[in-house]
Amino acid sequence: MEAEHIVRSYDEELRDLNDMIARMGGLTESQIARAIEALVNRNPDLAETVVADDERVDDLNYEIDEKATVLIALRQPMGLDLRNIVSALKIAADLERIADYASNIARRSLALSEVAPVRPVHAIPRMSRQVQQMIKEVLDAYVERNVDKAMAVWASDREVDDMYTSLFRELLTYMMEDPRSITPCTHLLFIAKHIERIGDHVTNIAEIIHYLVEGTRMRRTRPRGSTADHEVGSDAK
């Protein structure tokens, strides 16, 4: 009976860890949506809220680290259980970085709310909707342990890269046509790059799911559009 209780308790702890990842993913997805809403509606109050709420994601990431560390120390997991815990740690790190990008988008939207609006901002929500859908689907794949669904998300990142390339070119054209737009368009370039990087972190998560379920790392070349010649720097947190 005692052994059965220990096994049941261990299973519950693993489920709790999975639930924490799902909760962190939902919070991260909400951060992105609100950051883009703040940008489109030129809402500095909402942007400030997104920046402040980044700490909630950081706290949850810390809790996941703590729980995973305790599980490894006390349970000494092997095989699938060990992959489960290690994968949760890796996914939490990717989600935490995605939330950082959402916070950076919100900060850029604060600066944009103080200048005249520019037309290319309309393309940003479309990119954002794509990565938000990717996050939702990759989290579903994680909960369901569905490798096929994870690989479909992995492949869809090319669309985000292509949207980034198109927007990059549009913004450069706009800046050349109207030098007054250089400052706001530069902010939009950074925002677009943040969204593109979010897509990359989602593909990381898809690859982790493959490792979790199959026990092997992926060996396929990561899908990428033509972004190599369209790089901008990244914001520090």
Protein backbone atom coordinates (compact mmCIF):
# COMPACT_ATOMS: atom_id res chain seq x y z
CA MET A 1 0.00 0.00 0.00
CA GLU A 2 2.81 2.40 0.88
CA ALA A 3 4.57 1.73 -2.42
CA GLU A 4 1.31 2.36 -4.28
CA HIS A 5 0.92 5.67 -2.43
CA ILE A 6 4.46 6.72 -3.37
CA VAL A 7 3.86 5.92 -7.04
CA ARG A 8 0.54 7.81 -7.02
CA SER A 9 2.19 10.81 -5.35
CA TYR A 10 5.00 10.79 -7.93
CA ASP A 11 2.50 10.69 -10.80
CA GLU A 12 0.64 13.62 -9.28
CA GLU A 13 3.87 15.61 -9.00
CA LEU A 14 4.64 14.98 -12.67
CA ARG A 15 1.10 16.05 -13.62
CA ASP A 16 1.52 19.20 -11.54
CA LEU A 17 4.70 19.98 -13.44
CA ASN A 18 2.90 19.54 -16.77
CA ASP A 19 0.04 21.74 -15.55
CA MET A 20 2.50 24.46 -14.57
CA ILE A 21 3.96 24.42 -18.10
CA ALA A 22 0.47 24.74 -19.60
CA ARG A 23 -0.31 27.63 -17.25
CA MET A 24 2.96 29.38 -18.08
CA GLY A 25 2.25 28.92 -21.78
CA GLY A 26 -1.22 30.44 -21.48
CA LEU A 27 0.17 33.42 -19.59
CA THR A 28 2.89 33.90 -22.18
CA GLU A 29 0.39 33.78 -25.04
CA SER A 30 -1.72 36.41 -23.24
CA GLN A 31 1.34 38.63 -22.85
CA ILE A 32 1.92 38.61 -26.60
CA ALA A 33 -1.72 39.36 -27.39
CA ARG A 34 -1.85 42.30 -24.98
CA ALA A 35 1.48 43.69 -26.18
CA ILE A 36 0.19 43.75 -29.77
CA GLU A 37 -3.12 45.24 -28.62
CA ALA A 38 -1.20 48.01 -26.86
CA LEU A 39 0.76 48.64 -30.05
CA VAL A 40 -2.22 48.73 -32.42
CA ASN A 41 -4.44 50.79 -30.11
CA ARG A 42 -1.59 53.05 -28.97
CA ASN A 43 -2.43 52.22 -25.38
CA PRO A 44 0.50 53.05 -23.05
CA ASP A 45 -1.37 51.93 -19.92
CA LEU A 46 -1.83 48.44 -21.32
CA ALA A 47 1.80 48.37 -22.44
CA GLU A 48 2.93 49.23 -18.92
CA THR A 49 0.78 46.41 -17.57
CA VAL A 50 2.39 43.92 -19.94
CA VAL A 51 5.85 45.01 -18.83
CA ALA A 52 4.90 44.72 -15.16
CA ASP A 53 3.28 41.30 -15.64
CA ASP A 54 6.50 39.85 -17.04
CA GLU A 55 7.46 39.18 -13.44
CA ARG A 56 4.55 36.73 -13.13
CA VAL A 57 6.07 34.62 -15.90
CA ASP A 58 9.50 34.83 -14.28
CA ASP A 59 8.03 33.69 -10.96
CA LEU A 60 6.32 30.71 -12.57
CA ASN A 61 9.54 29.80 -14.36
CA TYR A 62 11.32 29.84 -11.00
CA GLU A 63 8.64 27.61 -9.46
CA ILE A 64 9.04 25.11 -12.30
CA ASP A 65 12.82 25.10 -11.82
CA GLU A 66 12.38 24.47 -8.11
CA LYS A 67 9.84 21.67 -8.57
CA ALA A 68 11.90 19.95 -11.24
CA THR A 69 15.04 20.15 -9.11
CA VAL A 70 13.26 18.60 -6.13
CA LEU A 71 11.79 15.84 -8.29
CA ILE A 72 15.20 14.94 -9.70
CA ALA A 73 16.83 15.03 -6.27
CA LEU A 74 14.19 13.02 -4.41
CA ARG A 75 12.81 10.68 -7.06
CA GLN A 76 15.96 10.02 -9.11
CA PRO A 77 13.87 9.56 -12.27
CA MET A 78 14.99 7.53 -15.28
CA GLY A 79 13.84 7.03 -18.85
CA LEU A 80 10.60 8.75 -19.81
CA ASP A 81 10.13 10.33 -16.38
CA LEU A 82 13.56 11.97 -16.59
CA ARG A 83 12.82 13.20 -20.12
CA ASN A 84 9.53 14.59 -18.85
CA ILE A 85 11.25 16.66 -16.17
CA VAL A 86 14.16 17.80 -18.34
CA SER A 87 11.77 18.74 -21.14
CA ALA A 88 9.66 20.79 -18.74
CA LEU A 89 12.76 22.73 -17.69
CA LYS A 90 13.73 23.43 -21.30
CA ILE A 91 10.21 24.41 -22.36
CA ALA A 92 9.87 26.75 -19.37
CA ALA A 93 13.10 28.48 -20.42
CA ASP A 94 11.77 29.00 -23.95
CA LEU A 95 8.44 30.32 -22.64
CA GLU A 96 10.25 32.71 -20.30
CA ARG A 97 12.24 34.08 -23.24
CA ILE A 98 9.07 34.44 -25.33
CA ALA A 99 7.52 36.48 -22.50
CA ASP A 100 10.64 38.66 -22.47
CA TYR A 101 10.07 39.42 -26.16
CA ALA A 102 6.44 40.31 -25.43
CA SER A 103 7.65 42.71 -22.75
CA ASN A 104 10.12 44.25 -25.19
CA ILE A 105 7.32 44.69 -27.75
CA ALA A 106 5.29 46.50 -25.10
CA ARG A 107 8.23 48.80 -24.34
CA ARG A 108 8.61 49.63 -28.03
CA SER A 109 4.87 50.32 -28.26
CA LEU A 110 5.30 52.92 -25.50
CA ALA A 111 7.76 54.79 -27.69
CA LEU A 112 5.52 54.43 -30.74
CA SER A 113 2.51 55.84 -28.87
CA GLU A 114 4.38 59.14 -28.60
CA VAL A 115 4.92 59.63 -32.35
CA ALA A 116 2.65 59.83 -35.38
CA PRO A 117 1.37 56.43 -36.54
CA VAL A 118 2.94 54.82 -39.61
CA ARG A 119 1.16 52.65 -42.13
CA PRO A 120 3.29 49.44 -41.95
CA VAL A 121 2.06 48.76 -38.41
CA HIS A 122 -0.89 46.90 -39.98
CA ALA A 123 1.31 43.89 -40.83
CA ILE A 124 2.44 43.30 -37.25
CA PRO A 125 -0.85 41.82 -35.91
CA ARG A 126 -0.89 39.23 -38.72
CA MET A 127 2.58 38.00 -37.74
CA SER A 128 1.55 38.00 -34.10
CA ARG A 129 -1.59 35.96 -34.74
CA GLN A 130 0.52 33.36 -36.51
CA VAL A 131 2.95 32.92 -33.60
CA GLN A 132 0.12 32.95 -31.05
CA GLN A 133 -1.55 30.12 -32.96
CA MET A 134 1.78 28.28 -33.05
CA ILE A 135 2.13 28.64 -29.27
CA LYS A 136 -1.40 27.34 -28.70
CA GLU A 137 -0.85 24.34 -30.96
CA VAL A 138 2.57 23.46 -29.59
CA LEU A 139 1.21 23.55 -26.03
CA ASP A 140 -1.64 21.28 -27.13
CA ALA A 141 0.97 18.96 -28.64
CA TYR A 142 2.85 18.98 -25.33
CA VAL A 143 -0.22 18.14 -23.28
CA GLU A 144 -1.28 15.43 -25.73
CA ARG A 145 2.30 14.17 -26.32
CA ASN A 146 1.48 14.48 -30.02
CA VAL A 147 4.64 14.48 -32.13
CA ASP A 148 2.79 14.94 -35.45
CA LYS A 149 1.11 18.08 -34.18
CA ALA A 150 4.42 19.39 -32.84
CA MET A 151 6.10 18.78 -36.20
CA ALA A 152 3.32 20.64 -38.01
CA VAL A 153 4.01 23.65 -35.79
CA TRP A 154 7.74 23.23 -36.40
CA ALA A 155 7.20 23.39 -40.17
CA SER A 156 4.90 26.42 -39.97
CA ASP A 157 7.69 28.68 -38.70
CA ARG A 158 8.71 29.27 -42.32
CA GLU A 159 5.53 31.36 -42.74
CA VAL A 160 6.62 33.65 -39.90
CA ASP A 161 10.07 34.04 -41.47
CA ASP A 162 8.50 34.92 -44.81
CA MET A 163 6.19 37.49 -43.21
CA TYR A 164 9.18 39.03 -41.42
CA THR A 165 11.15 39.30 -44.67
CA SER A 166 8.21 40.94 -46.46
CA LEU A 167 7.66 43.42 -43.62
CA PHE A 168 11.38 44.20 -43.42
CA ARG A 169 11.39 45.20 -47.09
CA GLU A 170 8.20 47.23 -46.71
CA LEU A 171 9.61 49.15 -43.75
CA LEU A 172 12.88 49.90 -45.55
CA THR A 173 10.95 51.24 -48.54
CA TYR A 174 8.79 53.36 -46.28
CA MET A 175 11.85 54.84 -44.54
CA MET A 176 13.49 55.70 -47.86
CA GLU A 177 10.34 57.40 -49.09
CA ASP A 178 9.79 59.43 -45.91
CA PRO A 179 12.83 60.06 -43.65
CA ARG A 180 10.47 61.26 -40.90
CA SER A 181 9.31 57.66 -40.53
CA ILE A 182 12.79 56.30 -39.74
CA THR A 183 12.38 56.35 -35.95
CA PRO A 184 8.94 54.69 -35.75
CA CYS A 185 9.83 52.21 -38.48
CA THR A 186 12.98 51.24 -36.60
CA HIS A 187 10.83 50.41 -33.59
CA LEU A 188 8.58 48.34 -35.85
CA LEU A 189 11.62 46.50 -37.25
CA PHE A 190 12.60 45.49 -33.73
CA ILE A 191 9.04 44.42 -32.94
CA ALA A 192 8.87 42.31 -36.10
CA LYS A 193 12.21 40.71 -35.22
CA HIS A 194 10.94 39.92 -31.71
CA ILE A 195 7.91 38.15 -33.20
CA GLU A 196 10.16 36.23 -35.60
CA ARG A 197 12.32 35.15 -32.66
CA ILE A 198 9.22 34.04 -30.76
CA GLY A 199 8.53 31.71 -33.68
CA ASP A 200 12.04 30.29 -33.33
CA HIS A 201 11.47 29.55 -29.64
CA VAL A 202 8.22 27.80 -30.50
CA THR A 203 10.12 25.54 -32.91
CA ASN A 204 12.54 24.83 -30.05
CA ILE A 205 9.58 23.63 -28.00
CA ALA A 206 8.37 21.45 -30.88
CA GLU A 207 11.82 19.83 -31.04
CA ILE A 208 11.76 19.25 -27.28
CA ILE A 209 8.40 17.49 -27.63
CA HIS A 210 9.95 15.22 -30.25
CA TYR A 211 12.75 14.38 -27.81
CA LEU A 212 10.28 13.87 -24.98
CA VAL A 213 8.10 11.41 -26.88
CA GLU A 214 10.61 9.67 -29.14
CA GLY A 215 13.69 9.80 -26.91
CA THR A 216 15.86 11.11 -29.77
CA ARG A 217 16.69 14.57 -31.00
CA MET A 218 15.46 15.78 -34.37
CA ARG A 219 17.93 15.66 -37.22
CA ARG A 220 15.97 17.53 -39.86
CA THR A 221 17.09 21.00 -40.94
CA ARG A 222 15.08 23.68 -39.20
CA PRO A 223 12.58 25.38 -41.54
CA ARG A 224 13.58 28.95 -42.31
CA GLY A 225 12.45 31.59 -44.74
CA SER A 226 14.85 34.08 -46.27
CA THR A 227 15.66 36.11 -43.14
CA ALA A 228 19.43 35.80 -43.09
CA ASP A 229 20.00 39.12 -44.87
CA HIS A 230 17.37 40.96 -42.84
CA GLU A 231 18.71 40.88 -39.30
CA VAL A 232 18.34 43.62 -36.69
CA GLY A 233 19.79 43.69 -33.20
CA SER A 234 17.90 42.47 -30.15
CA ASP A 235 16.72 44.35 -27.10
CA ALA A 236 18.28 43.48 -23.78
CA LYS A 237 15.75 42.60 -21.12
